[in-house]
């Protein structure tokens, strides 16, 4: 029997427990996943069943949300973070990684965490969720991809001020980002000959050097070297003309130079269904492309569509890695 996807609970004071319950209500046995967390944090009335082994999830998911119980010291208070729960949040992530590393789960999907809460409550020493996963997996370099039905995009730099982006761009890092994107498109998305579009840093991709020379001195030499390796690379392209429908038909993924250059188009195209995918891990990891949403937690109207898409993409990626025919869902 195919192993399920493991879903770590994330910050219990946020919307994680609510969207997990909603995702199960929509997917049920069609896409079995196991929720790792405290069943007491789930919304009242959620049909759930505790299981001891992920292999039980496929049968249980037809009538209840499968839960691998992880006791938390404090109850859930929507919108109110309790530092006492911080270590349990970290331990759940570690437990989820263990399941995928052992093969008991086919992929890991992570509900959002609150990094400040983990630092204050448990001395969390990592900049974010992704860096912690990389450390658990024993890898140094990972890449963030944002994906939806209409677009896959990878930012070459992420959470830094815009004024620092030019200095942060590095030929070796850019080359590695594009290579990891290319490899992931082949291994995780089943695209034999990926086409990758790369944005320029400056308006009009520098316009021949009149608006900046990063394209001439840094980006173009990297792209030429990768083309010489046999990759199909477009660019550097003006970012303002590479995300409309006809342009997107020319490539399988885009690499952008900085955070907003990548995230504005995907959030405009499909705000509710964007998914965060981590490339470079030895296992599949996806996450909804939103935060803990403490301000709406407990109101009963949290949107689970991004989590549902994250579970579907995780299934597709896991299937591609296993060399199977692609399963439904992106």
Protein backbone atom coordinates (compact mmCIF):
# COMPACT_ATOMS: atom_id res chain seq x y z
CA UNK A 1 0.00 0.00 0.00
CA UNK A 2 1.28 3.48 -0.86
CA UNK A 3 2.40 5.42 2.24
CA UNK A 4 0.44 8.55 3.13
CA UNK A 5 1.67 12.13 3.24
CA UNK A 6 2.71 13.35 6.69
CA UNK A 7 1.26 16.72 7.75
CA UNK A 8 2.98 18.46 10.66
CA UNK A 9 0.56 20.53 12.74
CA UNK A 10 2.50 23.80 12.85
CA UNK A 11 1.59 26.51 15.36
CA UNK A 12 -1.59 25.32 17.14
CA UNK A 13 -2.76 28.84 17.95
CA UNK A 14 -2.96 29.58 14.22
CA UNK A 15 -5.22 28.16 11.54
CA UNK A 16 -3.23 24.94 11.06
CA UNK A 17 -5.65 22.64 12.92
CA UNK A 18 -8.63 24.20 11.12
CA UNK A 19 -7.28 23.89 7.60
CA UNK A 20 -6.09 20.35 8.32
CA UNK A 21 -9.64 19.37 9.25
CA UNK A 22 -11.03 21.12 6.17
CA UNK A 23 -8.47 19.50 3.89
CA UNK A 24 -9.42 16.05 5.18
CA UNK A 25 -13.13 16.82 4.73
CA UNK A 26 -12.50 17.55 1.04
CA UNK A 27 -9.89 14.92 0.23
CA UNK A 28 -10.72 12.01 2.56
CA UNK A 29 -9.65 8.69 1.10
CA UNK A 30 -8.78 10.19 -2.28
CA UNK A 31 -5.53 11.61 -0.88
CA UNK A 32 -4.73 10.07 2.50
CA UNK A 33 -2.56 12.07 4.86
CA UNK A 34 -1.74 11.71 8.52
CA UNK A 35 -1.91 14.69 10.88
CA UNK A 36 0.95 14.79 13.39
CA UNK A 37 -0.14 16.85 16.36
CA UNK A 38 -2.43 16.97 19.36
CA UNK A 39 -5.94 15.78 18.49
CA UNK A 40 -7.26 18.04 21.27
CA UNK A 41 -6.28 21.06 19.15
CA UNK A 42 -8.54 20.11 16.25
CA UNK A 43 -11.81 22.04 15.85
CA UNK A 44 -14.69 20.67 17.89
CA UNK A 45 -16.62 18.02 16.01
CA UNK A 46 -13.75 17.04 13.69
CA UNK A 47 -14.05 13.34 12.87
CA UNK A 48 -10.64 11.93 13.70
CA UNK A 49 -9.04 8.66 14.71
CA UNK A 50 -5.70 8.11 16.39
CA UNK A 51 -3.36 5.72 14.62
CA UNK A 52 -0.05 4.20 15.66
CA UNK A 53 1.38 3.57 12.21
CA UNK A 54 1.08 5.66 9.01
CA UNK A 55 0.13 2.51 7.10
CA UNK A 56 -3.28 2.72 8.79
CA UNK A 57 -4.03 6.12 7.26
CA UNK A 58 -5.37 4.94 3.89
CA UNK A 59 -8.23 3.02 5.45
CA UNK A 60 -8.92 5.43 8.30
CA UNK A 61 -8.97 8.51 6.05
CA UNK A 62 -12.17 7.32 4.38
CA UNK A 63 -14.18 8.13 7.48
CA UNK A 64 -11.92 10.17 9.79
CA UNK A 65 -8.80 12.34 9.87
CA UNK A 66 -5.90 10.02 10.80
CA UNK A 67 -3.93 11.48 13.72
CA UNK A 68 -0.56 10.42 15.05
CA UNK A 69 -0.97 11.84 18.53
CA UNK A 70 1.70 14.18 19.85
CA UNK A 71 0.82 15.53 23.28
CA UNK A 72 1.24 19.28 23.75
CA UNK A 73 1.59 20.75 27.25
CA UNK A 74 -1.04 23.45 26.74
CA UNK A 75 -4.48 23.59 25.12
CA UNK A 76 -5.12 25.50 21.93
CA UNK A 77 -6.17 29.12 22.35
CA UNK A 78 -6.82 30.47 18.85
CA UNK A 79 -4.85 33.61 18.17
CA UNK A 80 -2.92 33.40 21.45
CA UNK A 81 0.50 31.74 21.24
CA UNK A 82 1.61 29.79 24.29
CA UNK A 83 5.43 29.54 24.57
CA UNK A 84 4.98 26.27 26.46
CA UNK A 85 3.97 24.61 23.18
CA UNK A 86 7.05 25.73 21.23
CA UNK A 87 9.17 22.64 21.81
CA UNK A 88 6.30 20.35 20.85
CA UNK A 89 5.92 22.21 17.54
CA UNK A 90 9.62 21.61 16.84
CA UNK A 91 9.39 17.97 17.90
CA UNK A 92 6.45 17.38 15.53
CA UNK A 93 8.49 18.66 12.59
CA UNK A 94 11.35 16.36 13.59
CA UNK A 95 8.92 13.46 13.85
CA UNK A 96 7.54 14.19 10.38
CA UNK A 97 11.03 14.24 8.89
CA UNK A 98 11.72 10.90 10.53
CA UNK A 99 8.63 9.40 8.89
CA UNK A 100 9.65 10.45 5.39
CA UNK A 101 13.27 9.45 5.91
CA UNK A 102 12.17 5.97 7.00
CA UNK A 103 9.74 5.60 4.11
CA UNK A 104 6.71 5.40 6.40
CA UNK A 105 5.42 8.59 4.73
CA UNK A 106 5.90 9.46 1.07
CA UNK A 107 6.19 13.22 1.54
CA UNK A 108 6.11 15.90 4.21
CA UNK A 109 3.64 18.78 4.16
CA UNK A 110 4.11 21.37 6.88
CA UNK A 111 1.51 23.69 8.38
CA UNK A 112 2.80 27.20 9.16
CA UNK A 113 4.89 27.93 12.25
CA UNK A 114 5.57 31.15 14.14
CA UNK A 115 9.36 31.51 14.21
CA UNK A 116 9.37 34.17 16.91
CA UNK A 117 7.29 31.94 19.20
CA UNK A 118 9.72 29.06 18.69
CA UNK A 119 12.72 31.26 19.44
CA UNK A 120 11.17 32.70 22.57
CA UNK A 121 9.67 29.46 23.82
CA UNK A 122 12.33 26.92 22.86
CA UNK A 123 15.43 28.78 21.71
CA UNK A 124 14.84 27.84 18.07
CA UNK A 125 18.20 28.52 16.43
CA UNK A 126 17.22 28.57 12.75
CA UNK A 127 16.16 31.50 10.56
CA UNK A 128 13.07 29.58 9.46
CA UNK A 129 11.24 26.35 8.82
CA UNK A 130 13.19 25.51 5.69
CA UNK A 131 16.61 25.92 7.28
CA UNK A 132 15.57 23.59 10.11
CA UNK A 133 14.42 20.96 7.63
CA UNK A 134 17.71 21.28 5.74
CA UNK A 135 19.63 20.73 8.99
CA UNK A 136 17.55 17.67 9.84
CA UNK A 137 18.18 16.32 6.34
CA UNK A 138 21.90 17.05 6.48
CA UNK A 139 22.00 19.31 3.43
CA UNK A 140 23.56 22.77 3.15
CA UNK A 141 21.73 24.30 0.21
CA UNK A 142 18.03 24.35 -0.53
CA UNK A 143 15.93 26.47 -2.85
CA UNK A 144 12.40 27.81 -2.43
CA UNK A 145 9.92 27.35 -5.27
CA UNK A 146 6.44 28.85 -5.31
CA UNK A 147 4.03 26.87 -7.43
CA UNK A 148 0.45 27.01 -8.64
CA UNK A 149 -1.35 25.66 -11.69
CA UNK A 150 -0.30 28.65 -13.80
CA UNK A 151 3.29 29.24 -12.68
CA UNK A 152 6.37 27.87 -10.94
CA UNK A 153 8.83 30.52 -9.80
CA UNK A 154 12.06 30.46 -7.79
CA UNK A 155 13.57 33.58 -6.17
CA UNK A 156 17.38 33.69 -6.28
CA UNK A 157 17.43 35.83 -3.12
CA UNK A 158 14.69 35.71 -0.53
CA UNK A 159 14.15 37.60 2.73
CA UNK A 160 16.58 40.50 2.46
CA UNK A 161 16.02 44.24 1.93
CA UNK A 162 15.77 45.29 -1.69
CA UNK A 163 18.81 47.57 -1.36
CA UNK A 164 20.93 44.51 -0.49
CA UNK A 165 19.88 42.38 -3.46
CA UNK A 166 22.55 43.51 -6.00
CA UNK A 167 25.38 42.77 -3.58
CA UNK A 168 23.80 39.48 -2.52
CA UNK A 169 23.55 38.15 -6.06
CA UNK A 170 26.45 35.81 -6.65
CA UNK A 171 27.31 33.93 -9.83
CA UNK A 172 27.93 30.64 -8.05
CA UNK A 173 24.70 30.88 -6.04
CA UNK A 174 22.67 31.82 -9.11
CA UNK A 175 24.19 28.93 -11.06
CA UNK A 176 23.35 26.51 -8.23
CA UNK A 177 19.80 27.84 -7.92
CA UNK A 178 19.15 27.28 -11.62
CA UNK A 179 20.75 23.84 -11.56
CA UNK A 180 18.64 22.78 -8.58
CA UNK A 181 15.53 24.11 -10.30
CA UNK A 182 16.40 22.17 -13.45
CA UNK A 183 17.03 18.97 -11.49
CA UNK A 184 13.79 19.33 -9.53
CA UNK A 185 11.75 19.85 -12.68
CA UNK A 186 13.13 16.58 -14.01
CA UNK A 187 12.96 14.51 -10.82
CA UNK A 188 9.91 15.96 -9.05
CA UNK A 189 7.73 17.16 -11.91
CA UNK A 190 8.58 14.62 -14.59
CA UNK A 191 9.76 17.17 -17.17
CA UNK A 192 12.50 15.52 -19.23
CA UNK A 193 13.87 18.67 -20.87
CA UNK A 194 12.95 21.64 -18.64
CA UNK A 195 12.75 25.15 -20.01
CA UNK A 196 13.75 27.81 -17.48
CA UNK A 197 13.21 31.56 -17.89
CA UNK A 198 15.46 33.87 -15.89
CA UNK A 199 14.52 37.45 -15.05
CA UNK A 200 16.92 40.32 -15.16
CA UNK A 201 17.54 42.36 -12.04
CA UNK A 202 16.98 45.81 -13.52
CA UNK A 203 14.08 47.34 -15.49
CA UNK A 204 14.11 46.13 -19.09
CA UNK A 205 16.80 43.61 -18.03
CA UNK A 206 19.28 46.48 -17.89
CA UNK A 207 18.53 47.71 -21.42
CA UNK A 208 22.01 47.01 -22.70
CA UNK A 209 23.68 48.43 -19.61
CA UNK A 210 21.90 51.78 -19.55
CA UNK A 211 19.87 50.77 -16.48
CA UNK A 212 22.45 48.65 -14.70
CA UNK A 213 25.16 46.21 -15.65
CA UNK A 214 24.31 43.16 -13.49
CA UNK A 215 22.74 41.43 -16.48
CA UNK A 216 25.88 41.90 -18.58
CA UNK A 217 28.47 41.16 -15.91
CA UNK A 218 26.75 38.51 -13.80
CA UNK A 219 23.53 37.02 -15.12
CA UNK A 220 24.34 36.50 -18.80
CA UNK A 221 27.67 34.70 -18.22
CA UNK A 222 25.94 32.29 -15.81
CA UNK A 223 23.16 31.58 -18.31
CA UNK A 224 25.62 31.11 -21.18
CA UNK A 225 27.59 28.59 -19.13
CA UNK A 226 24.43 26.63 -18.31
CA UNK A 227 23.34 26.67 -21.95
CA UNK A 228 26.73 25.21 -22.82
CA UNK A 229 25.90 22.35 -20.44
CA UNK A 230 22.79 21.62 -22.50
CA UNK A 231 20.11 23.41 -20.49
CA UNK A 232 17.31 25.31 -22.19
CA UNK A 233 17.52 28.77 -20.63
CA UNK A 234 15.67 31.93 -21.63
CA UNK A 235 16.98 35.29 -20.50
CA UNK A 236 17.86 37.45 -18.87
CA UNK A 237 14.33 38.69 -19.57
CA UNK A 238 12.56 41.90 -18.55
CA UNK A 239 10.52 40.88 -15.53
CA UNK A 240 7.56 43.03 -16.52
CA UNK A 241 6.90 41.01 -19.70
CA UNK A 242 7.64 37.42 -18.65
CA UNK A 243 4.60 36.54 -16.56
CA UNK A 244 1.64 37.09 -18.89
CA UNK A 245 -0.12 34.03 -20.31
CA UNK A 246 1.68 33.80 -23.65
CA UNK A 247 5.09 34.30 -22.04
CA UNK A 248 4.45 31.61 -19.43
CA UNK A 249 3.72 29.08 -22.17
CA UNK A 250 7.39 29.28 -23.21
CA UNK A 251 8.86 27.93 -19.97
CA UNK A 252 8.31 25.39 -17.18
CA UNK A 253 9.68 27.52 -14.34
CA UNK A 254 10.98 31.04 -13.87
CA UNK A 255 13.90 32.19 -11.75
CA UNK A 256 13.56 35.70 -10.35
CA UNK A 257 16.24 37.85 -8.78
CA UNK A 258 14.43 38.84 -5.57
CA UNK A 259 11.46 38.07 -3.36
CA UNK A 260 8.75 40.37 -4.69
CA UNK A 261 9.76 39.87 -8.31
CA UNK A 262 8.87 36.21 -7.79
CA UNK A 263 5.95 36.38 -5.38
CA UNK A 264 3.90 39.22 -6.87
CA UNK A 265 3.09 37.35 -10.10
CA UNK A 266 2.18 34.05 -8.43
CA UNK A 267 0.04 35.72 -5.78
CA UNK A 268 -1.69 37.75 -8.47
CA UNK A 269 -2.35 34.69 -10.62
CA UNK A 270 -3.60 32.40 -7.84
CA UNK A 271 -3.47 33.96 -4.38
CA UNK A 272 -5.43 31.23 -2.61
CA UNK A 273 -3.70 28.19 -4.10
CA UNK A 274 -0.02 29.05 -4.07
CA UNK A 275 2.27 26.41 -2.60
CA UNK A 276 5.77 26.64 -1.13
CA UNK A 277 8.01 23.79 -2.34
CA UNK A 278 11.50 23.17 -0.97
CA UNK A 279 13.97 21.97 -3.60
CA UNK A 280 17.20 20.20 -2.71
CA UNK A 281 15.97 18.03 0.16
CA UNK A 282 16.28 14.24 -0.03
CA UNK A 283 12.52 14.05 0.52
CA UNK A 284 9.49 15.92 -0.80
CA UNK A 285 8.39 18.90 1.28
CA UNK A 286 5.57 21.31 0.52
CA UNK A 287 3.72 23.90 2.57
CA UNK A 288 0.82 26.30 2.10
CA UNK A 289 2.04 29.69 0.97
CA UNK A 290 0.69 31.63 3.93
CA UNK A 291 1.41 32.14 7.60
CA UNK A 292 -0.28 31.17 10.83
CA UNK A 293 -3.05 33.79 10.38
CA UNK A 294 -3.44 34.33 14.12
CA UNK A 295 -5.87 37.18 13.45
CA UNK A 296 -8.52 34.86 12.00
CA UNK A 297 -7.77 31.67 13.92
CA UNK A 298 -10.80 30.18 15.60
CA UNK A 299 -13.36 32.05 13.53
CA UNK A 300 -14.15 29.04 11.37
CA UNK A 301 -13.56 30.70 8.01
CA UNK A 302 -9.91 29.85 7.29
CA UNK A 303 -9.27 29.02 3.63
CA UNK A 304 -7.77 25.54 3.21
CA UNK A 305 -7.18 25.73 -0.54
CA UNK A 306 -3.44 26.37 -0.30
CA UNK A 307 -2.99 23.39 2.03
CA UNK A 308 -5.08 21.20 -0.25
CA UNK A 309 -2.91 22.19 -3.21
CA UNK A 310 0.22 21.60 -1.12
CA UNK A 311 -0.93 18.06 -0.42
CA UNK A 312 -1.74 17.48 -4.09
CA UNK A 313 1.64 18.77 -5.27
CA UNK A 314 3.37 16.65 -2.64
CA UNK A 315 1.60 13.59 -4.00
CA UNK A 316 2.56 14.40 -7.57
CA UNK A 317 6.19 15.04 -6.66
CA UNK A 318 6.44 11.86 -4.60
CA UNK A 319 4.99 9.87 -7.46
CA UNK A 320 7.48 11.40 -9.91
CA UNK A 321 10.40 10.61 -7.59
CA UNK A 322 9.27 7.02 -7.35
CA UNK A 323 9.20 6.74 -11.12
CA UNK A 324 5.46 6.11 -11.22
CA UNK A 325 2.93 7.49 -13.59
CA UNK A 326 1.90 10.95 -12.44
CA UNK A 327 -1.13 10.91 -10.16
CA UNK A 328 -3.96 13.43 -10.34
CA UNK A 329 -3.40 16.82 -8.83
CA UNK A 330 -0.57 19.26 -9.21
